[in-house]
Amino acid sequence: MYADRGYVVPKDKAGYTGLSFASEDTTVVTVNKKTGRLIPQGLGTTKVVATFTKKGAKDVQKECTIIVRQNAS
């Protein structure tokens, strides 16, 4: 298993009150839906999508690319 873990942290929620996260490929990385905590699962590349919600407004989605590589020994 991988020892390194990280978090997806948005810089500015722009008044949006709801925030959730999702990984496009959970064989590469899983992400806690509420906290944005990333846990590598395997080597590869995927995108993590953050969805911002606010009552009376259209949802906004932002994504970032996550690359999981093998550490050099």
C-alpha atoms as a PDB file:
ATOM      1  CA  MET A   1       0.000   0.000   0.000  1.00  0.00           C
ATOM      2  CA  TYR A   2       1.062   3.572  -0.505  1.00  0.00           C
ATOM      3  CA  ALA A   3       2.170   5.642   2.467  1.00  0.00           C
ATOM      4  CA  ASP A   4       1.693   9.093   0.974  1.00  0.00           C
ATOM      5  CA  ARG A   5      -1.668  10.774   1.204  1.00  0.00           C
ATOM      6  CA  GLY A   6      -2.786  14.273   0.364  1.00  0.00           C
ATOM      7  CA  TYR A   7      -5.792  16.534   0.213  1.00  0.00           C
ATOM      8  CA  VAL A   8      -7.522  18.478  -2.510  1.00  0.00           C
ATOM      9  CA  VAL A   9      -8.006  21.984  -1.096  1.00  0.00           C
ATOM     10  CA  PRO A  10      -9.945  24.606  -3.076  1.00  0.00           C
ATOM     11  CA  LYS A  11      -8.531  28.132  -2.898  1.00  0.00           C
ATOM     12  CA  ASP A  12     -11.866  29.960  -3.048  1.00  0.00           C
ATOM     13  CA  LYS A  13     -15.407  28.591  -2.844  1.00  0.00           C
ATOM     14  CA  ALA A  14     -16.829  31.895  -4.204  1.00  0.00           C
ATOM     15  CA  GLY A  15     -19.859  31.804  -1.915  1.00  0.00           C
ATOM     16  CA  TYR A  16     -20.793  28.208  -2.721  1.00  0.00           C
ATOM     17  CA  THR A  17     -21.903  26.353   0.385  1.00  0.00           C
ATOM     18  CA  GLY A  18     -21.666  22.737  -0.762  1.00  0.00           C
ATOM     19  CA  LEU A  19     -18.519  20.951  -1.870  1.00  0.00           C
ATOM     20  CA  SER A  20     -17.959  17.314  -2.806  1.00  0.00           C
ATOM     21  CA  PHE A  21     -15.147  15.375  -4.472  1.00  0.00           C
ATOM     22  CA  ALA A  22     -14.983  12.358  -6.797  1.00  0.00           C
ATOM     23  CA  SER A  23     -12.226  10.390  -8.545  1.00  0.00           C
ATOM     24  CA  GLU A  24     -12.734   9.398 -12.178  1.00  0.00           C
ATOM     25  CA  ASP A  25     -10.648   6.230 -11.693  1.00  0.00           C
ATOM     26  CA  THR A  26     -10.704   4.698  -8.222  1.00  0.00           C
ATOM     27  CA  THR A  27      -8.104   2.078  -9.240  1.00  0.00           C
ATOM     28  CA  VAL A  28      -5.576   4.949  -9.282  1.00  0.00           C
ATOM     29  CA  VAL A  29      -6.772   7.121  -6.377  1.00  0.00           C
ATOM     30  CA  THR A  30      -9.777   7.262  -4.077  1.00  0.00           C
ATOM     31  CA  VAL A  31     -10.945  10.543  -2.612  1.00  0.00           C
ATOM     32  CA  ASN A  32     -13.066  11.191   0.465  1.00  0.00           C
ATOM     33  CA  LYS A  33     -16.263  12.767  -0.876  1.00  0.00           C
ATOM     34  CA  LYS A  34     -16.489  15.300   1.958  1.00  0.00           C
ATOM     35  CA  THR A  35     -12.887  16.069   2.975  1.00  0.00           C
ATOM     36  CA  GLY A  36     -10.994  15.732  -0.316  1.00  0.00           C
ATOM     37  CA  ARG A  37      -8.458  13.351   1.225  1.00  0.00           C
ATOM     38  CA  LEU A  38      -6.651  11.397  -1.496  1.00  0.00           C
ATOM     39  CA  ILE A  39      -5.463   7.824  -1.051  1.00  0.00           C
ATOM     40  CA  PRO A  40      -3.375   6.274  -3.849  1.00  0.00           C
ATOM     41  CA  GLN A  41      -4.574   2.829  -4.950  1.00  0.00           C
ATOM     42  CA  GLY A  42      -2.351   2.042  -7.941  1.00  0.00           C
ATOM     43  CA  LEU A  43      -0.041   3.561 -10.519  1.00  0.00           C
ATOM     44  CA  GLY A  44      -1.539   5.764 -13.214  1.00  0.00           C
ATOM     45  CA  THR A  45      -3.266   9.034 -13.969  1.00  0.00           C
ATOM     46  CA  THR A  46      -6.788  10.169 -13.116  1.00  0.00           C
ATOM     47  CA  LYS A  47      -8.791  13.295 -12.544  1.00  0.00           C
ATOM     48  CA  VAL A  48     -10.376  14.388  -9.291  1.00  0.00           C
ATOM     49  CA  VAL A  49     -13.494  16.510  -9.718  1.00  0.00           C
ATOM     50  CA  ALA A  50     -14.689  19.025  -7.124  1.00  0.00           C
ATOM     51  CA  THR A  51     -18.357  19.985  -7.360  1.00  0.00           C
ATOM     52  CA  PHE A  52     -19.449  23.262  -5.768  1.00  0.00           C
ATOM     53  CA  THR A  53     -23.166  23.744  -5.026  1.00  0.00           C
ATOM     54  CA  LYS A  54     -25.242  26.706  -3.931  1.00  0.00           C
ATOM     55  CA  LYS A  55     -29.010  27.003  -3.614  1.00  0.00           C
ATOM     56  CA  GLY A  56     -30.446  28.852  -6.596  1.00  0.00           C
ATOM     57  CA  ALA A  57     -27.238  28.596  -8.626  1.00  0.00           C
ATOM     58  CA  LYS A  58     -25.874  26.188 -11.194  1.00  0.00           C
ATOM     59  CA  ASP A  59     -23.338  23.646  -9.882  1.00  0.00           C
ATOM     60  CA  VAL A  60     -19.721  24.381 -10.759  1.00  0.00           C
ATOM     61  CA  GLN A  61     -17.201  21.614 -11.374  1.00  0.00           C
ATOM     62  CA  LYS A  62     -13.428  21.977 -11.324  1.00  0.00           C
ATOM     63  CA  GLU A  63     -10.945  19.194 -11.915  1.00  0.00           C
ATOM     64  CA  CYS A  64      -7.293  18.452 -11.316  1.00  0.00           C
ATOM     65  CA  THR A  65      -5.103  15.717 -12.726  1.00  0.00           C
ATOM     66  CA  ILE A  66      -3.511  13.321 -10.251  1.00  0.00           C
ATOM     67  CA  ILE A  67      -0.504  11.192 -11.254  1.00  0.00           C
ATOM     68  CA  VAL A  68       0.555   8.277  -9.057  1.00  0.00           C
ATOM     69  CA  ARG A  69       4.104   7.111  -9.793  1.00  0.00           C
ATOM     70  CA  GLN A  70       6.294   4.440  -8.302  1.00  0.00           C
ATOM     71  CA  ASN A  71       8.974   5.812  -5.959  1.00  0.00           C
ATOM     72  CA  ALA A  72      12.554   5.360  -7.110  1.00  0.00           C
ATOM     73  CA  SER A  73      14.547   3.065  -4.846  1.00  0.00           C
END
